[in-house]
Amino acid sequence: MSDDVRYPVGKWVRETSIEPGRRQALIDQIARLPGLMSAAVAGLTDEQLDTPYRPGGWTVRQVVHHVPDSHLNAYVRCKLAITEDTPAVKTYDEVAWSKLSDVMTTPVSTSLALLASLHSRWVIFLKGLGPADFARGTKHPDWGTMTVDDYIQQYAWHGRHHTAHITELAKRMHWS
């Protein structure tokens, strides 16, 4: 763990080449995320869910709702990469999404269920791909060409990153 509360697991670094064993480990991380995220928020009160993980940062509630929002986008991007020839993908304003009424009023259990269903489907999709499929990509406006391998790296990291926001806050606040 890093001492930087904004990046508790460090910043994402794109690996240029992914071996099959590493790829499987990343897919396994994606598969485990829903359980880890659920465990991270288990037993938290509404007051704790409404606590920012850092000064000026999102609340735990916003983080929990953000993860499936973001991972839905990644899942769709992976499917686009497989079904189209290097399609352009769109970004979204995650800060604006974090302030929408559904984030403020929906129980976190709804987003945890969405995350579990989404990751179940995403992992089945990823496990059905052939070796060459992982090199297929999209054109991302911020990241340039992003392959399926890049997305699984980034989103395995993304899940660890946001889970650590919650678990490290809980440690600092002595919630557990």
Protein backbone atom coordinates (compact mmCIF):
# COMPACT_ATOMS: atom_id res chain seq x y z
CA MET A 1 0.00 0.00 0.00
CA SER A 2 1.03 3.54 -0.72
CA ASP A 3 0.87 6.38 1.80
CA ASP A 4 -0.90 8.48 -0.84
CA VAL A 5 -4.61 8.29 0.11
CA ARG A 6 -5.58 9.23 -3.44
CA TYR A 7 -3.67 6.26 -4.91
CA PRO A 8 -3.45 3.69 -2.12
CA VAL A 9 -2.34 0.90 -4.49
CA GLY A 10 -0.26 3.25 -6.66
CA LYS A 11 -1.16 4.69 -10.05
CA TRP A 12 -2.10 2.41 -12.91
CA VAL A 13 0.86 1.52 -15.13
CA ARG A 14 0.09 -0.10 -18.48
CA GLU A 15 2.02 -3.30 -19.04
CA THR A 16 3.11 -3.58 -22.66
CA SER A 17 2.87 -7.34 -22.87
CA ILE A 18 0.62 -9.71 -20.95
CA GLU A 19 1.47 -13.41 -20.72
CA PRO A 20 -1.44 -15.87 -20.46
CA GLY A 21 -0.78 -16.56 -16.76
CA ARG A 22 -0.76 -12.86 -15.95
CA ARG A 23 -3.90 -12.34 -18.02
CA GLN A 24 -5.67 -15.08 -16.06
CA ALA A 25 -4.57 -13.50 -12.76
CA LEU A 26 -6.05 -10.16 -13.87
CA ILE A 27 -9.32 -11.82 -14.90
CA ASP A 28 -9.37 -13.55 -11.51
CA GLN A 29 -9.01 -10.13 -9.83
CA ILE A 30 -11.97 -8.87 -11.84
CA ALA A 31 -13.94 -11.94 -10.75
CA ARG A 32 -13.13 -11.38 -7.06
CA LEU A 33 -13.89 -7.66 -6.95
CA PRO A 34 -17.63 -7.86 -6.15
CA GLY A 35 -16.95 -9.94 -3.04
CA LEU A 36 -14.10 -7.70 -1.93
CA MET A 37 -16.14 -4.53 -2.45
CA SER A 38 -19.10 -6.02 -0.57
CA ALA A 39 -16.83 -7.05 2.30
CA ALA A 40 -15.27 -3.57 2.40
CA VAL A 41 -18.64 -1.91 3.07
CA ALA A 42 -20.28 -4.66 5.14
CA GLY A 43 -21.73 -3.24 8.33
CA LEU A 44 -21.01 0.41 7.51
CA THR A 45 -23.58 2.90 8.72
CA ASP A 46 -25.11 5.61 6.54
CA GLU A 47 -22.83 8.11 8.29
CA GLN A 48 -19.78 6.02 7.41
CA LEU A 49 -20.99 5.55 3.82
CA ASP A 50 -21.28 9.34 3.57
CA THR A 51 -17.69 9.89 4.75
CA PRO A 52 -15.21 11.04 2.09
CA TYR A 53 -12.26 8.68 1.72
CA ARG A 54 -10.00 11.76 1.65
CA PRO A 55 -10.45 15.52 2.04
CA GLY A 56 -12.20 16.74 -1.10
CA GLY A 57 -12.74 13.19 -2.30
CA TRP A 58 -15.79 11.10 -2.95
CA THR A 59 -17.76 9.50 -0.16
CA VAL A 60 -17.69 5.76 0.29
CA ARG A 61 -21.24 5.72 -1.12
CA GLN A 62 -20.09 7.56 -4.26
CA VAL A 63 -17.16 5.17 -4.68
CA VAL A 64 -19.42 2.12 -4.43
CA HIS A 65 -21.79 3.51 -7.07
CA HIS A 66 -18.91 4.69 -9.29
CA VAL A 67 -17.30 1.27 -9.66
CA PRO A 68 -20.14 -0.45 -11.54
CA ASP A 69 -20.72 2.71 -13.60
CA SER A 70 -17.10 2.65 -14.68
CA HIS A 71 -16.91 -1.11 -15.14
CA LEU A 72 -20.07 -1.12 -17.27
CA ASN A 73 -18.28 1.25 -19.61
CA ALA A 74 -15.22 -1.01 -19.68
CA TYR A 75 -17.31 -4.12 -20.36
CA VAL A 76 -18.99 -2.41 -23.31
CA ARG A 77 -15.62 -1.19 -24.60
CA CYS A 78 -14.26 -4.75 -24.49
CA LYS A 79 -17.27 -6.04 -26.43
CA LEU A 80 -16.90 -3.23 -28.97
CA ALA A 81 -13.22 -4.12 -29.40
CA ILE A 82 -14.17 -7.69 -30.25
CA THR A 83 -17.09 -6.92 -32.54
CA GLU A 84 -15.83 -3.87 -34.44
CA ASP A 85 -12.57 -2.79 -36.06
CA THR A 86 -10.87 -0.44 -33.59
CA PRO A 87 -13.96 1.62 -32.80
CA ALA A 88 -13.78 5.02 -31.17
CA VAL A 89 -15.14 5.01 -27.63
CA LYS A 90 -16.49 7.87 -25.60
CA THR A 91 -15.48 9.01 -22.16
CA TYR A 92 -17.99 10.10 -19.54
CA ASP A 93 -17.91 12.74 -16.83
CA GLU A 94 -17.49 10.53 -13.78
CA VAL A 95 -17.57 13.51 -11.41
CA ALA A 96 -20.94 14.61 -12.81
CA TRP A 97 -22.22 11.02 -12.62
CA SER A 98 -21.12 10.86 -8.96
CA LYS A 99 -23.47 13.75 -8.14
CA LEU A 100 -26.60 12.38 -9.81
CA SER A 101 -29.65 11.57 -7.72
CA ASP A 102 -29.33 7.80 -8.15
CA VAL A 103 -25.90 7.93 -6.49
CA MET A 104 -27.27 9.87 -3.56
CA THR A 105 -30.48 7.85 -3.05
CA THR A 106 -29.90 4.28 -4.25
CA PRO A 107 -28.85 1.80 -1.56
CA VAL A 108 -25.27 0.62 -2.06
CA SER A 109 -26.64 -2.94 -2.10
CA THR A 110 -28.15 -2.18 -5.52
CA SER A 111 -24.76 -1.22 -6.98
CA LEU A 112 -23.09 -4.19 -5.28
CA ALA A 113 -25.64 -6.52 -6.92
CA LEU A 114 -25.09 -4.79 -10.26
CA LEU A 115 -21.33 -5.18 -9.85
CA ALA A 116 -21.68 -8.89 -9.05
CA SER A 117 -23.90 -9.54 -12.08
CA LEU A 118 -21.77 -7.42 -14.38
CA HIS A 119 -18.52 -9.09 -13.33
CA SER A 120 -20.04 -12.55 -13.64
CA ARG A 121 -20.98 -11.77 -17.22
CA TRP A 122 -17.69 -9.96 -17.99
CA VAL A 123 -15.56 -12.84 -16.72
CA ILE A 124 -17.56 -15.37 -18.80
CA PHE A 125 -17.02 -13.12 -21.83
CA LEU A 126 -13.27 -12.78 -21.17
CA LYS A 127 -12.79 -16.51 -20.60
CA GLY A 128 -14.46 -17.19 -23.95
CA LEU A 129 -11.96 -15.12 -25.92
CA GLY A 130 -9.13 -16.58 -27.96
CA PRO A 131 -5.53 -15.43 -27.48
CA ALA A 132 -5.61 -13.04 -30.47
CA ASP A 133 -8.78 -11.37 -29.20
CA PHE A 134 -6.91 -9.75 -26.32
CA ALA A 135 -4.92 -7.67 -28.83
CA ARG A 136 -8.07 -6.19 -30.38
CA GLY A 137 -8.70 -2.63 -29.35
CA THR A 138 -10.56 0.64 -29.32
CA LYS A 139 -9.55 4.25 -29.85
CA HIS A 140 -9.88 5.98 -26.50
CA PRO A 141 -9.76 9.80 -26.55
CA ASP A 142 -7.52 9.99 -23.46
CA TRP A 143 -5.50 6.76 -23.61
CA GLY A 144 -5.08 6.22 -27.35
CA THR A 145 -5.39 2.65 -28.56
CA MET A 146 -6.63 0.45 -25.71
CA THR A 147 -6.60 -3.31 -26.22
CA VAL A 148 -8.73 -5.81 -24.32
CA ASP A 149 -5.52 -6.69 -22.44
CA ASP A 150 -5.16 -3.01 -21.51
CA TYR A 151 -8.74 -2.85 -20.25
CA ILE A 152 -8.41 -5.94 -18.07
CA GLN A 153 -5.20 -4.54 -16.55
CA GLN A 154 -6.74 -1.13 -15.98
CA TYR A 155 -9.95 -2.43 -14.45
CA ALA A 156 -8.30 -5.06 -12.26
CA TRP A 157 -6.27 -2.12 -10.91
CA HIS A 158 -9.37 0.11 -10.75
CA GLY A 159 -11.16 -2.39 -8.53
CA ARG A 160 -8.18 -2.72 -6.18
CA HIS A 161 -7.78 1.08 -6.18
CA HIS A 162 -11.32 1.86 -5.07
CA THR A 163 -11.61 -1.06 -2.66
CA ALA A 164 -8.45 0.25 -0.99
CA HIS A 165 -10.01 3.72 -0.73
CA ILE A 166 -12.68 2.16 1.46
CA THR A 167 -10.58 -0.31 3.44
CA GLU A 168 -7.82 2.21 4.14
CA LEU A 169 -10.40 4.79 5.30
CA ALA A 170 -11.93 2.18 7.60
CA LYS A 171 -8.47 1.53 9.10
CA ARG A 172 -7.74 5.23 9.56
CA MET A 173 -11.14 5.79 11.18
CA HIS A 174 -10.89 2.61 13.32
CA TRP A 175 -14.22 1.32 11.97
CA SER A 176 -13.23 -2.32 12.08
